[in-house]
Amino acid sequence: ALTEISPGKDSENPLSGDQIRQRFLQFYASRSHAILPSASLVPDDPTVLLTIAGMLQFKPIFLGQ
C-alpha cells in the first residue's frame, strides 16, 4: 500500500517533488484509474471569476460542447 509510494523511514535520499508526483500517479494508474492532464487554477472562462472546484475543466462536457 503506502510502501509503494513512500521511500521508507530508512531512506537517506529524500524524493523530489517530481518523484513524489510520479509515484502518486503510478500508484493510482496501477489500480486502473485514469490519469488526466493537469488543469489550470486560472479559468479560461469569462463567466467564472476563479476556479472553486475540480469540475470546472469538465464544464464543456456537461454543456455538450
PDB file of N, CA and C in Angstrom:
ATOM      1  N   ALA A   1       0.836  -1.184   0.000  1.00  0.00           N
ATOM      2  CA  ALA A   1       0.000   0.000   0.000  1.00  0.00           C
ATOM      3  C   ALA A   1       0.875   1.239   0.000  1.00  0.00           C
ATOM      4  N   LEU A   2       1.021   1.891   1.142  1.00  0.00           N
ATOM      5  CA  LEU A   2       1.805   3.120   1.177  1.00  0.00           C
ATOM      6  C   LEU A   2       3.280   2.886   0.926  1.00  0.00           C
ATOM      7  N   THR A   3       3.776   1.691   1.186  1.00  0.00           N
ATOM      8  CA  THR A   3       5.183   1.422   0.928  1.00  0.00           C
ATOM      9  C   THR A   3       5.504   1.541  -0.553  1.00  0.00           C
ATOM     10  N   GLU A   4       4.495   1.450  -1.400  1.00  0.00           N
ATOM     11  CA  GLU A   4       4.717   1.575  -2.837  1.00  0.00           C
ATOM     12  C   GLU A   4       4.990   3.015  -3.250  1.00  0.00           C
ATOM     13  N   ILE A   5       4.515   3.981  -2.476  1.00  0.00           N
ATOM     14  CA  ILE A   5       4.691   5.373  -2.878  1.00  0.00           C
ATOM     15  C   ILE A   5       5.601   6.156  -1.938  1.00  0.00           C
ATOM     16  N   SER A   6       5.995   5.584  -0.811  1.00  0.00           N
ATOM     17  CA  SER A   6       6.874   6.289   0.117  1.00  0.00           C
ATOM     18  C   SER A   6       8.256   5.639   0.107  1.00  0.00           C
ATOM     19  N   PRO A   7       9.308   6.432   0.352  1.00  0.00           N
ATOM     20  CA  PRO A   7      10.658   5.878   0.325  1.00  0.00           C
ATOM     21  C   PRO A   7      10.992   5.055   1.557  1.00  0.00           C
ATOM     22  N   GLY A   8      10.235   5.177   2.631  1.00  0.00           N
ATOM     23  CA  GLY A   8      10.514   4.438   3.854  1.00  0.00           C
ATOM     24  C   GLY A   8      11.305   5.280   4.841  1.00  0.00           C
ATOM     25  N   LYS A   9      11.289   4.867   6.102  1.00  0.00           N
ATOM     26  CA  LYS A   9      11.963   5.625   7.160  1.00  0.00           C
ATOM     27  C   LYS A   9      13.474   5.644   6.988  1.00  0.00           C
ATOM     28  N   ASP A  10      14.030   4.597   6.423  1.00  0.00           N
ATOM     29  CA  ASP A  10      15.479   4.456   6.343  1.00  0.00           C
ATOM     30  C   ASP A  10      16.089   5.152   5.131  1.00  0.00           C
ATOM     31  N   SER A  11      15.296   5.796   4.330  1.00  0.00           N
ATOM     32  CA  SER A  11      15.808   6.430   3.121  1.00  0.00           C
ATOM     33  C   SER A  11      16.655   7.650   3.468  1.00  0.00           C
ATOM     34  N   GLU A  12      17.870   7.685   2.934  1.00  0.00           N
ATOM     35  CA  GLU A  12      18.759   8.825   3.159  1.00  0.00           C
ATOM     36  C   GLU A  12      18.565   9.890   2.087  1.00  0.00           C
ATOM     37  N   ASN A  13      17.991   9.516   0.961  1.00  0.00           N
ATOM     38  CA  ASN A  13      17.800  10.451  -0.139  1.00  0.00           C
ATOM     39  C   ASN A  13      16.326  10.809  -0.250  1.00  0.00           C
ATOM     40  N   PRO A  14      15.969  12.029   0.151  1.00  0.00           N
ATOM     41  CA  PRO A  14      14.556  12.409   0.042  1.00  0.00           C
ATOM     42  C   PRO A  14      14.121  12.477  -1.418  1.00  0.00           C
ATOM     43  N   LEU A  15      12.862  12.217  -1.650  1.00  0.00           N
ATOM     44  CA  LEU A  15      12.324  12.264  -3.005  1.00  0.00           C
ATOM     45  C   LEU A  15      12.106  13.707  -3.429  1.00  0.00           C
ATOM     46  N   SER A  16      12.300  13.961  -4.712  1.00  0.00           N
ATOM     47  CA  SER A  16      11.994  15.287  -5.250  1.00  0.00           C
ATOM     48  C   SER A  16      10.486  15.396  -5.444  1.00  0.00           C
ATOM     49  N   GLY A  17      10.009  16.594  -5.663  1.00  0.00           N
ATOM     50  CA  GLY A  17       8.588  16.794  -5.918  1.00  0.00           C
ATOM     51  C   GLY A  17       8.117  16.013  -7.126  1.00  0.00           C
ATOM     52  N   ASP A  18       8.935  15.981  -8.176  1.00  0.00           N
ATOM     53  CA  ASP A  18       8.557  15.246  -9.384  1.00  0.00           C
ATOM     54  C   ASP A  18       8.494  13.743  -9.120  1.00  0.00           C
ATOM     55  N   GLN A  19       9.424  13.224  -8.318  1.00  0.00           N
ATOM     56  CA  GLN A  19       9.401  11.796  -7.984  1.00  0.00           C
ATOM     57  C   GLN A  19       8.155  11.442  -7.174  1.00  0.00           C
ATOM     58  N   ILE A  20       7.783  12.308  -6.243  1.00  0.00           N
ATOM     59  CA  ILE A  20       6.569  12.064  -5.452  1.00  0.00           C
ATOM     60  C   ILE A  20       5.358  12.042  -6.365  1.00  0.00           C
ATOM     61  N   ARG A  21       5.282  13.017  -7.275  1.00  0.00           N
ATOM     62  CA  ARG A  21       4.148  13.090  -8.210  1.00  0.00           C
ATOM     63  C   ARG A  21       4.082  11.835  -9.072  1.00  0.00           C
ATOM     64  N   GLN A  22       5.226  11.398  -9.601  1.00  0.00           N
ATOM     65  CA  GLN A  22       5.247  10.216 -10.460  1.00  0.00           C
ATOM     66  C   GLN A  22       4.825   8.966  -9.694  1.00  0.00           C
ATOM     67  N   ARG A  23       5.287   8.810  -8.475  1.00  0.00           N
ATOM     68  CA  ARG A  23       4.892   7.638  -7.673  1.00  0.00           C
ATOM     69  C   ARG A  23       3.401   7.665  -7.355  1.00  0.00           C
ATOM     70  N   PHE A  24       2.890   8.852  -7.053  1.00  0.00           N
ATOM     71  CA  PHE A  24       1.459   9.010  -6.772  1.00  0.00           C
ATOM     72  C   PHE A  24       0.643   8.600  -7.992  1.00  0.00           C
ATOM     73  N   LEU A  25       1.023   9.104  -9.168  1.00  0.00           N
ATOM     74  CA  LEU A  25       0.290   8.774 -10.389  1.00  0.00           C
ATOM     75  C   LEU A  25       0.415   7.292 -10.734  1.00  0.00           C
ATOM     76  N   GLN A  26       1.610   6.729 -10.586  1.00  0.00           N
ATOM     77  CA  GLN A  26       1.813   5.306 -10.874  1.00  0.00           C
ATOM     78  C   GLN A  26       0.974   4.432  -9.941  1.00  0.00           C
ATOM     79  N   PHE A  27       0.890   4.828  -8.680  1.00  0.00           N
ATOM     80  CA  PHE A  27       0.103   4.079  -7.700  1.00  0.00           C
ATOM     81  C   PHE A  27      -1.345   3.959  -8.167  1.00  0.00           C
ATOM     82  N   TYR A  28      -1.947   5.085  -8.567  1.00  0.00           N
ATOM     83  CA  TYR A  28      -3.350   5.056  -8.980  1.00  0.00           C
ATOM     84  C   TYR A  28      -3.529   4.457 -10.371  1.00  0.00           C
ATOM     85  N   ALA A  29      -2.595   4.684 -11.268  1.00  0.00           N
ATOM     86  CA  ALA A  29      -2.683   4.089 -12.603  1.00  0.00           C
ATOM     87  C   ALA A  29      -2.628   2.565 -12.506  1.00  0.00           C
ATOM     88  N   SER A  30      -1.842   2.044 -11.570  1.00  0.00           N
ATOM     89  CA  SER A  30      -1.738   0.589 -11.405  1.00  0.00           C
ATOM     90  C   SER A  30      -3.033  -0.018 -10.865  1.00  0.00           C
ATOM     91  N   ARG A  31      -3.937   0.834 -10.404  1.00  0.00           N
ATOM     92  CA  ARG A  31      -5.237   0.382  -9.904  1.00  0.00           C
ATOM     93  C   ARG A  31      -6.365   0.800 -10.836  1.00  0.00           C
ATOM     94  N   SER A  32      -6.021   0.933 -12.106  1.00  0.00           N
ATOM     95  CA  SER A  32      -6.977   1.202 -13.192  1.00  0.00           C
ATOM     96  C   SER A  32      -7.633   2.581 -13.141  1.00  0.00           C
ATOM     97  N   HIS A  33      -7.005   3.535 -12.475  1.00  0.00           N
ATOM     98  CA  HIS A  33      -7.517   4.908 -12.503  1.00  0.00           C
ATOM     99  C   HIS A  33      -6.971   5.609 -13.746  1.00  0.00           C
ATOM    100  N   ALA A  34      -7.757   6.482 -14.327  1.00  0.00           N
ATOM    101  CA  ALA A  34      -7.319   7.250 -15.494  1.00  0.00           C
ATOM    102  C   ALA A  34      -6.490   8.441 -15.025  1.00  0.00           C
ATOM    103  N   ILE A  35      -5.374   8.677 -15.697  1.00  0.00           N
ATOM    104  CA  ILE A  35      -4.538   9.834 -15.405  1.00  0.00           C
ATOM    105  C   ILE A  35      -4.888  10.911 -16.428  1.00  0.00           C
ATOM    106  N   LEU A  36      -5.418  12.024 -15.944  1.00  0.00           N
ATOM    107  CA  LEU A  36      -5.834  13.123 -16.809  1.00  0.00           C
ATOM    108  C   LEU A  36      -4.804  14.240 -16.754  1.00  0.00           C
ATOM    109  N   PRO A  37      -4.726  15.052 -17.808  1.00  0.00           N
ATOM    110  CA  PRO A  37      -3.788  16.177 -17.785  1.00  0.00           C
ATOM    111  C   PRO A  37      -4.149  17.171 -16.680  1.00  0.00           C
ATOM    112  N   SER A  38      -3.150  17.878 -16.206  1.00  0.00           N
ATOM    113  CA  SER A  38      -3.380  18.894 -15.185  1.00  0.00           C
ATOM    114  C   SER A  38      -4.262  20.001 -15.735  1.00  0.00           C
ATOM    115  N   ALA A  39      -4.992  20.652 -14.853  1.00  0.00           N
ATOM    116  CA  ALA A  39      -5.846  21.776 -15.236  1.00  0.00           C
ATOM    117  C   ALA A  39      -5.387  23.024 -14.492  1.00  0.00           C
ATOM    118  N   SER A  40      -5.418  24.149 -15.172  1.00  0.00           N
ATOM    119  CA  SER A  40      -5.002  25.411 -14.580  1.00  0.00           C
ATOM    120  C   SER A  40      -5.983  25.858 -13.505  1.00  0.00           C
ATOM    121  N   LEU A  41      -5.468  26.522 -12.491  1.00  0.00           N
ATOM    122  CA  LEU A  41      -6.332  27.108 -11.472  1.00  0.00           C
ATOM    123  C   LEU A  41      -6.905  28.443 -11.931  1.00  0.00           C
ATOM    124  N   VAL A  42      -6.333  28.995 -13.000  1.00  0.00           N
ATOM    125  CA  VAL A  42      -6.840  30.242 -13.574  1.00  0.00           C
ATOM    126  C   VAL A  42      -7.801  29.856 -14.690  1.00  0.00           C
ATOM    127  N   PRO A  43      -9.083  30.137 -14.533  1.00  0.00           N
ATOM    128  CA  PRO A  43     -10.063  29.693 -15.525  1.00  0.00           C
ATOM    129  C   PRO A  43      -9.951  30.442 -16.845  1.00  0.00           C
ATOM    130  N   ASP A  44     -10.157  29.709 -17.930  1.00  0.00           N
ATOM    131  CA  ASP A  44     -10.219  30.307 -19.265  1.00  0.00           C
ATOM    132  C   ASP A  44     -11.696  30.425 -19.625  1.00  0.00           C
ATOM    133  N   ASP A  45     -12.431  31.132 -18.770  1.00  0.00           N
ATOM    134  CA  ASP A  45     -13.877  31.227 -18.904  1.00  0.00           C
ATOM    135  C   ASP A  45     -14.321  32.562 -18.309  1.00  0.00           C
ATOM    136  N   PRO A  46     -14.806  33.485 -19.133  1.00  0.00           N
ATOM    137  CA  PRO A  46     -15.187  34.807 -18.615  1.00  0.00           C
ATOM    138  C   PRO A  46     -16.393  34.778 -17.670  1.00  0.00           C
ATOM    139  N   THR A  47     -17.114  33.651 -17.605  1.00  0.00           N
ATOM    140  CA  THR A  47     -18.273  33.571 -16.711  1.00  0.00           C
ATOM    141  C   THR A  47     -17.887  33.140 -15.301  1.00  0.00           C
ATOM    142  N   VAL A  48     -16.598  32.860 -15.092  1.00  0.00           N
ATOM    143  CA  VAL A  48     -16.126  32.378 -13.798  1.00  0.00           C
ATOM    144  C   VAL A  48     -15.012  33.299 -13.299  1.00  0.00           C
ATOM    145  N   LEU A  49     -15.099  33.734 -12.057  1.00  0.00           N
ATOM    146  CA  LEU A  49     -14.062  34.605 -11.502  1.00  0.00           C
ATOM    147  C   LEU A  49     -12.827  33.830 -11.069  1.00  0.00           C
ATOM    148  N   LEU A  50     -13.018  32.659 -10.486  1.00  0.00           N
ATOM    149  CA  LEU A  50     -11.907  31.824 -10.085  1.00  0.00           C
ATOM    150  C   LEU A  50     -12.369  30.370 -10.039  1.00  0.00           C
ATOM    151  N   THR A  51     -11.406  29.482 -10.106  1.00  0.00           N
ATOM    152  CA  THR A  51     -11.719  28.058 -10.057  1.00  0.00           C
ATOM    153  C   THR A  51     -11.967  27.671  -8.604  1.00  0.00           C
ATOM    154  N   ILE A  52     -13.189  27.219  -8.315  1.00  0.00           N
ATOM    155  CA  ILE A  52     -13.525  26.867  -6.936  1.00  0.00           C
ATOM    156  C   ILE A  52     -13.761  25.374  -6.757  1.00  0.00           C
ATOM    157  N   ALA A  53     -13.748  24.618  -7.854  1.00  0.00           N
ATOM    158  CA  ALA A  53     -13.993  23.181  -7.745  1.00  0.00           C
ATOM    159  C   ALA A  53     -13.231  22.458  -8.846  1.00  0.00           C
ATOM    160  N   GLY A  54     -13.008  21.189  -8.627  1.00  0.00           N
ATOM    161  CA  GLY A  54     -12.298  20.385  -9.608  1.00  0.00           C
ATOM    162  C   GLY A  54     -13.134  19.998 -10.808  1.00  0.00           C
ATOM    163  N   MET A  55     -14.357  20.482 -10.896  1.00  0.00           N
ATOM    164  CA  MET A  55     -15.237  20.113 -12.006  1.00  0.00           C
ATOM    165  C   MET A  55     -15.238  21.145 -13.131  1.00  0.00           C
ATOM    166  N   LEU A  56     -14.638  22.305 -12.916  1.00  0.00           N
ATOM    167  CA  LEU A  56     -14.702  23.374 -13.914  1.00  0.00           C
ATOM    168  C   LEU A  56     -14.136  22.942 -15.264  1.00  0.00           C
ATOM    169  N   GLN A  57     -13.068  22.161 -15.257  1.00  0.00           N
ATOM    170  CA  GLN A  57     -12.472  21.740 -16.523  1.00  0.00           C
ATOM    171  C   GLN A  57     -13.405  20.837 -17.326  1.00  0.00           C
ATOM    172  N   PHE A  58     -14.442  20.293 -16.685  1.00  0.00           N
ATOM    173  CA  PHE A  58     -15.394  19.433 -17.384  1.00  0.00           C
ATOM    174  C   PHE A  58     -16.655  20.181 -17.824  1.00  0.00           C
ATOM    175  N   LYS A  59     -16.717  21.495 -17.591  1.00  0.00           N
ATOM    176  CA  LYS A  59     -17.900  22.287 -17.939  1.00  0.00           C
ATOM    177  C   LYS A  59     -18.300  22.122 -19.408  1.00  0.00           C
ATOM    178  N   PRO A  60     -17.352  22.160 -20.377  1.00  0.00           N
ATOM    179  CA  PRO A  60     -17.748  21.966 -21.778  1.00  0.00           C
ATOM    180  C   PRO A  60     -18.419  20.609 -22.022  1.00  0.00           C
ATOM    181  N   ILE A  61     -17.993  19.596 -21.326  1.00  0.00           N
ATOM    182  CA  ILE A  61     -18.596  18.268 -21.482  1.00  0.00           C
ATOM    183  C   ILE A  61     -20.025  18.289 -20.958  1.00  0.00           C
ATOM    184  N   PHE A  62     -20.214  18.903 -19.787  1.00  0.00           N
ATOM    185  CA  PHE A  62     -21.557  18.989 -19.209  1.00  0.00           C
ATOM    186  C   PHE A  62     -22.509  19.775 -20.104  1.00  0.00           C
ATOM    187  N   LEU A  63     -21.970  20.786 -20.801  1.00  0.00           N
ATOM    188  CA  LEU A  63     -22.791  21.619 -21.675  1.00  0.00           C
ATOM    189  C   LEU A  63     -22.933  21.040 -23.082  1.00  0.00           C
ATOM    190  N   GLY A  64     -22.309  19.886 -23.330  1.00  0.00           N
ATOM    191  CA  GLY A  64     -22.414  19.225 -24.630  1.00  0.00           C
ATOM    192  C   GLY A  64     -21.620  19.898 -25.730  1.00  0.00           C
ATOM    193  N   GLN A  65     -20.558  20.574 -25.371  1.00  0.00           N
ATOM    194  CA  GLN A  65     -19.729  21.284 -26.364  1.00  0.00           C
ATOM    195  C   GLN A  65     -18.590  20.413 -26.854  1.00  0.00           C
TER     196      GLN A  65
END
